[in-house]
């Protein structure tokens, strides 16, 4: 049985429901339910009693909870020691980066790491949930991702150490050449936008912090949808619709005059750029990198 399968089952055991387990595993409930069904298909055993509300682990699975916990702990320790040995020899450091940051802050961090430390830095980019899973499964030493300020205020994990690297505005941008047509649409009460899926981070930012205000001013017309901020930026540059992106992604195009940052009445918000690592004892290399991350923002 795969380690991630065991962790999924244990998440259900710890939280008591599929929805809470999905939240603990940082995936949407539909995606988590599909994962559980896949596990059941692969092992040939029904794990969940779906006749109960909420759905719960079946009694035979509960009876093996201690075995599952022991397997998880032993596999986790084995993988950690193997990777620690490998990194100790090769000075290899793995960063899991949210897609939107992989082209902005991460290159600056890698430049600092290669200047100050003899490291072989490997970057694995993905959406935020994927990056978090790499971190908790110890397949990455450090995670760089965005978080909303609400998340910073309300979330606290004893097993995660976190520091804020800096704040970044999320701003509306559009093709400079199409500004006049866009203005005409807005005067008519319609706003064409590039949407994000609601289950990805920037979709959550749009749904919670931007769209409620925008809907009081315009009829929102999604012209395209993408999970990637870079794709949203390109679609905005092509005049398809207004895209909300981190300002660092659009700085060059705005300076070159191909994009414009749109003012009020279009709203913007601010998100935090954060570094995360597992709590507890770390290698000297990880501690040095953690210290360097703090200096990039001028603080700890």
Foldseek 3Di string as FASTA:
>chain_A
DDLVLLLLQVLCVVPVALCSSCVVLLAHSVVSVVVQVVVCVVVVHNQWDVVDVRIHGDPVVVVCNVVSVVVNVVVLVVVQVVVVVVCVVQVEAEEEEEQQCVPPVVVVLVVVCVVPHVHHYHYHYDFPSVRVNCQVSVVHAKYKYWDAVVCVVPDDDPFKDKDFLFKWKFFKKAFLVCVVVQVVCQVVQEFEAEAEPCRTDVVVCCVPPFVVLSVVRHDYHYQYYDNHLLVRVVCRLVGRGIYTGTVRSCVVVVVVRRMPTDDPPHDMGMITIMMMHTDDDDDPSSVVSVVVSQVSSPHD
